[in-house]
Amino acid sequence: QVRLVQSGGGLVQAGGSLNLSCTAISVSFTVMGWSRQAPGKLREFVASITPGGTTKYADSVKGRFAISRDSAKSTVYLQMNSLKVEDTAVYYCFTDTLTGQGTQVTVSS
């Protein structure tokens, strides 16, 4: 079955770190990335990575988040450091045709 399987996330204090992972099942590796949606807000782009390794980040996470991939495992990671309360959201993994189930990231003050 074609799908994206996410893991990671949880609750962390401000300034802490979390790591998210997303594995593509039966999906050829294309551009993959992460978006997020905070309560009452629109979903926004966070980061993406191409098969060639080119990365792109939202200005709000530059210097704090890092996206990487393991092509052999069809897995993409999002390392989130120096987390802020405003990073609290449901994080979604995406490809050009699929979106993951979402995982909650909560940053407490």
Foldseek 3Di string as FASTA:
>chain_A
DWAKDKDKADEEAAQAKIKMKIATDPDQFAKKAKWWDDPPGDIGGAKIAGPVGDIDGDPVQPPFWDWDDDNVRNMIMIIGGNDDQVVFTWMWMDGPPHIHPTDTHGYHD
